[in-house]
Amino acid sequence: MEVTYGMMIAIGAITYFAWQRPEIHQKMMLNTYATFHERQLERLITSGFVHNNGIHLFMNLFTLYFFGGAIEEIFNTYFGSTGSFLYVLLFLSAVAIANLPTLYKQKDNPNYNSLGASGGVSALVLAFILFDPLQELCLYGLLCLPGYILGALFIAYSIIMGKRGGDNINHDAHLFGALYGVVFVLILKPSTLEAFINTMF
């Protein structure tokens, strides 16, 4: 859990620091126009370390604590000394990759901004489900379902809301972060797919 704790502290501290300095907060967001046209590509990752408000931050850190900690242990078990590195790589690359569809769709919109670690966190959730699909998961402590059902509902919800839009939430980042988490795990450990299928059927 040491790496997970470190990531939580870093995200929380950077978010708080940015809240005190609105100009830095603005520069760290994923402003799609500046990222694409002014080549400020660092925003693809820095946007994952700033959040809109306390609730937004808490939800991502809460999810990171449970699923990040679980993936950290799984990766350390399967990949030994490189486990922690691969875990951090999964999270950071997921934050960036999850932002790419939004960047492409909104690249000419100078008023579009996105922020938060949700893309990276979604990758961790789906990666965990791939390893343990029958583990019962609770959505914010309220709705408890087997992981594979919750994962399917999450993907369906992200697709529907992404098409609908209008709620100021980057559902595309949730969706593509989740899918990327699955791809990342299958590249690292292809046998996970067979184990998943055997568990399910």
Protein backbone atom coordinates (compact mmCIF):
# COMPACT_ATOMS: atom_id res chain seq x y z
CA MET A 1 0.00 0.00 0.00
CA GLU A 2 3.00 2.32 0.28
CA VAL A 3 2.84 3.39 -3.36
CA THR A 4 -0.92 3.90 -3.17
CA TYR A 5 -0.54 6.08 -0.08
CA GLY A 6 2.14 8.09 -1.87
CA MET A 7 -0.10 8.62 -4.90
CA MET A 8 -3.01 9.70 -2.69
CA ILE A 9 -0.82 12.18 -0.82
CA ALA A 10 0.59 13.58 -4.07
CA ILE A 11 -2.84 14.02 -5.67
CA GLY A 12 -4.33 15.55 -2.53
CA ALA A 13 -1.40 17.91 -1.93
CA ILE A 14 -1.16 19.08 -5.55
CA THR A 15 -4.91 19.61 -5.74
CA TYR A 16 -4.88 21.66 -2.53
CA PHE A 17 -1.89 23.68 -3.72
CA ALA A 18 -3.63 24.40 -7.02
CA TRP A 19 -6.81 25.48 -5.23
CA GLN A 20 -4.78 28.19 -3.50
CA ARG A 21 -3.37 29.40 -6.83
CA PRO A 22 -6.08 29.60 -9.49
CA GLU A 23 -3.58 30.38 -12.25
CA ILE A 24 -1.76 27.09 -11.59
CA HIS A 25 -5.07 25.24 -11.32
CA GLN A 26 -6.00 26.58 -14.75
CA LYS A 27 -2.63 25.63 -16.28
CA MET A 28 -2.89 22.05 -15.01
CA MET A 29 -6.38 21.38 -16.36
CA LEU A 30 -6.94 19.66 -19.67
CA ASN A 31 -7.80 22.67 -21.77
CA THR A 32 -8.20 20.84 -25.05
CA TYR A 33 -7.43 23.84 -27.27
CA ALA A 34 -4.16 24.69 -25.51
CA THR A 35 -3.17 21.02 -25.29
CA PHE A 36 -3.69 20.39 -29.00
CA HIS A 37 -2.91 23.67 -30.74
CA GLU A 38 -0.25 24.99 -28.36
CA ARG A 39 1.24 21.52 -27.78
CA GLN A 40 0.86 21.74 -24.00
CA LEU A 41 0.83 17.95 -23.85
CA GLU A 42 1.78 17.85 -20.18
CA ARG A 43 -1.85 18.72 -19.44
CA LEU A 44 -2.81 15.17 -20.43
CA ILE A 45 -1.22 14.03 -17.16
CA THR A 46 -1.28 17.12 -14.92
CA SER A 47 -5.07 17.26 -15.24
CA GLY A 48 -5.18 14.01 -13.26
CA PHE A 49 -3.64 15.72 -10.24
CA VAL A 50 -6.16 18.54 -9.84
CA HIS A 51 -9.84 18.36 -8.95
CA ASN A 52 -12.87 20.59 -9.05
CA ASN A 53 -13.90 20.43 -5.38
CA GLY A 54 -13.63 18.41 -2.21
CA ILE A 55 -16.28 15.86 -3.18
CA HIS A 56 -14.61 15.26 -6.55
CA LEU A 57 -11.26 14.76 -4.83
CA PHE A 58 -12.66 12.52 -2.09
CA MET A 59 -14.45 10.20 -4.52
CA ASN A 60 -11.31 9.64 -6.57
CA LEU A 61 -9.07 9.16 -3.52
CA PHE A 62 -11.63 6.84 -1.93
CA THR A 63 -11.69 4.64 -5.04
CA LEU A 64 -7.91 4.84 -5.43
CA TYR A 65 -7.46 3.65 -1.84
CA PHE A 66 -9.46 0.46 -2.34
CA PHE A 67 -8.72 -0.49 -5.92
CA GLY A 68 -5.26 1.01 -6.18
CA GLY A 69 -4.20 -0.80 -3.04
CA ALA A 70 -5.58 -4.07 -4.40
CA ILE A 71 -3.86 -3.67 -7.78
CA GLU A 72 -0.61 -2.73 -6.07
CA GLU A 73 -0.68 -6.01 -4.14
CA ILE A 74 -1.67 -8.04 -7.21
CA PHE A 75 1.08 -6.50 -9.34
CA ASN A 76 3.69 -7.04 -6.63
CA THR A 77 2.60 -10.69 -6.41
CA TYR A 78 2.73 -11.34 -10.16
CA PHE A 79 5.55 -9.06 -11.26
CA GLY A 80 7.83 -8.93 -8.24
CA SER A 81 10.28 -6.04 -8.08
CA THR A 82 8.76 -4.33 -11.14
CA GLY A 83 5.23 -4.50 -9.73
CA SER A 84 5.23 -1.03 -8.19
CA PHE A 85 6.67 0.55 -11.33
CA LEU A 86 4.04 -1.14 -13.52
CA TYR A 87 1.29 -0.05 -11.14
CA VAL A 88 2.32 3.61 -11.33
CA LEU A 89 2.77 3.29 -15.09
CA LEU A 90 -0.75 1.91 -15.43
CA PHE A 91 -2.24 4.80 -13.48
CA LEU A 92 -0.31 7.62 -15.15
CA SER A 93 -0.62 6.27 -18.68
CA ALA A 94 -4.35 5.67 -18.11
CA VAL A 95 -4.85 9.30 -17.08
CA ALA A 96 -3.22 10.42 -20.34
CA ILE A 97 -4.76 7.81 -22.66
CA ALA A 98 -8.24 8.36 -21.23
CA ASN A 99 -8.01 12.04 -22.16
CA LEU A 100 -7.15 11.44 -25.83
CA PRO A 101 -10.70 10.92 -27.19
CA THR A 102 -11.86 14.11 -25.47
CA LEU A 103 -8.81 15.96 -26.74
CA TYR A 104 -9.65 14.94 -30.31
CA LYS A 105 -13.37 15.79 -30.01
CA GLN A 106 -12.86 19.13 -28.27
CA LYS A 107 -9.54 20.27 -29.77
CA ASP A 108 -11.06 23.37 -31.38
CA ASN A 109 -13.06 24.41 -28.32
CA PRO A 110 -11.01 26.93 -26.28
CA ASN A 111 -13.60 26.87 -23.49
CA TYR A 112 -13.47 23.14 -22.80
CA ASN A 113 -11.66 22.11 -19.61
CA SER A 114 -11.45 18.73 -17.92
CA LEU A 115 -9.74 17.63 -14.72
CA GLY A 116 -9.52 14.80 -12.23
CA ALA A 117 -7.95 11.37 -11.79
CA SER A 118 -11.06 9.50 -12.92
CA GLY A 119 -9.46 8.04 -16.06
CA GLY A 120 -6.65 6.49 -14.05
CA VAL A 121 -8.96 5.33 -11.28
CA SER A 122 -11.34 3.74 -13.79
CA ALA A 123 -8.41 1.79 -15.23
CA LEU A 124 -7.63 0.41 -11.78
CA VAL A 125 -11.25 -0.62 -11.16
CA LEU A 126 -11.56 -2.58 -14.42
CA ALA A 127 -8.08 -4.07 -14.00
CA PHE A 128 -9.16 -5.39 -10.61
CA ILE A 129 -12.39 -6.81 -12.03
CA LEU A 130 -10.39 -8.64 -14.69
CA PHE A 131 -8.33 -10.33 -11.98
CA ASP A 132 -11.27 -11.07 -9.65
CA PRO A 133 -14.62 -10.71 -11.48
CA LEU A 134 -16.76 -12.38 -8.81
CA GLN A 135 -15.53 -10.22 -5.94
CA GLU A 136 -18.49 -8.22 -4.67
CA LEU A 137 -17.88 -4.50 -5.02
CA CYS A 138 -19.84 -1.70 -3.42
CA LEU A 139 -20.43 1.55 -5.27
CA TYR A 140 -19.74 4.22 -2.64
CA GLY A 141 -20.88 1.77 0.02
CA LEU A 142 -24.46 1.68 -1.28
CA LEU A 143 -24.93 -0.62 -4.28
CA CYS A 144 -23.08 -3.95 -3.89
CA LEU A 145 -22.76 -6.24 -6.93
CA PRO A 146 -20.27 -8.76 -8.33
CA GLY A 147 -17.44 -6.94 -10.07
CA TYR A 148 -18.26 -8.09 -13.59
CA ILE A 149 -21.83 -6.78 -13.31
CA LEU A 150 -20.73 -3.47 -11.84
CA GLY A 151 -18.07 -3.17 -14.54
CA ALA A 152 -20.60 -3.80 -17.32
CA LEU A 153 -23.02 -1.26 -15.83
CA PHE A 154 -20.22 1.27 -15.49
CA ILE A 155 -19.22 0.92 -19.14
CA ALA A 156 -22.83 1.10 -20.36
CA TYR A 157 -23.48 4.18 -18.22
CA SER A 158 -20.32 5.90 -19.49
CA ILE A 159 -21.26 5.24 -23.13
CA ILE A 160 -24.82 6.52 -22.70
CA MET A 161 -23.86 9.61 -20.70
CA GLY A 162 -20.92 10.34 -23.00
CA LYS A 163 -23.29 10.49 -25.96
CA ARG A 164 -25.84 12.53 -24.05
CA GLY A 165 -23.39 15.03 -22.51
CA GLY A 166 -24.42 18.21 -20.73
CA ASP A 167 -23.49 17.26 -17.13
CA ASN A 168 -19.89 18.61 -17.14
CA ILE A 169 -18.47 15.16 -16.42
CA ASN A 170 -15.95 13.64 -18.80
CA HIS A 171 -17.62 10.24 -19.23
CA ASP A 172 -15.40 9.47 -22.21
CA ALA A 173 -12.38 9.56 -19.89
CA HIS A 174 -14.11 7.10 -17.55
CA LEU A 175 -14.90 4.74 -20.42
CA PHE A 176 -11.55 4.82 -22.18
CA GLY A 177 -9.64 4.70 -18.91
CA ALA A 178 -11.57 1.55 -17.96
CA LEU A 179 -10.97 -0.11 -21.33
CA TYR A 180 -7.30 0.84 -21.21
CA GLY A 181 -6.97 -0.81 -17.79
CA VAL A 182 -8.17 -4.09 -19.31
CA VAL A 183 -5.82 -3.81 -22.30
CA PHE A 184 -2.85 -2.97 -20.05
CA VAL A 185 -3.38 -6.05 -17.89
CA LEU A 186 -3.86 -8.35 -20.89
CA ILE A 187 -0.62 -7.12 -22.46
CA LEU A 188 1.28 -7.71 -19.23
CA LYS A 189 -0.36 -11.03 -18.39
CA PRO A 190 -2.36 -12.53 -21.30
CA SER A 191 -3.30 -15.59 -19.22
CA THR A 192 -5.55 -13.30 -17.16
CA LEU A 193 -8.17 -13.51 -19.91
CA GLU A 194 -8.32 -17.30 -19.75
CA ALA A 195 -8.51 -17.17 -15.97
CA PHE A 196 -11.32 -14.60 -16.21
CA ILE A 197 -13.29 -16.79 -18.64
CA ASN A 198 -12.78 -19.89 -16.51
CA THR A 199 -13.97 -18.01 -13.44
CA MET A 200 -17.06 -16.75 -15.22
CA PHE A 201 -18.00 -19.96 -17.02
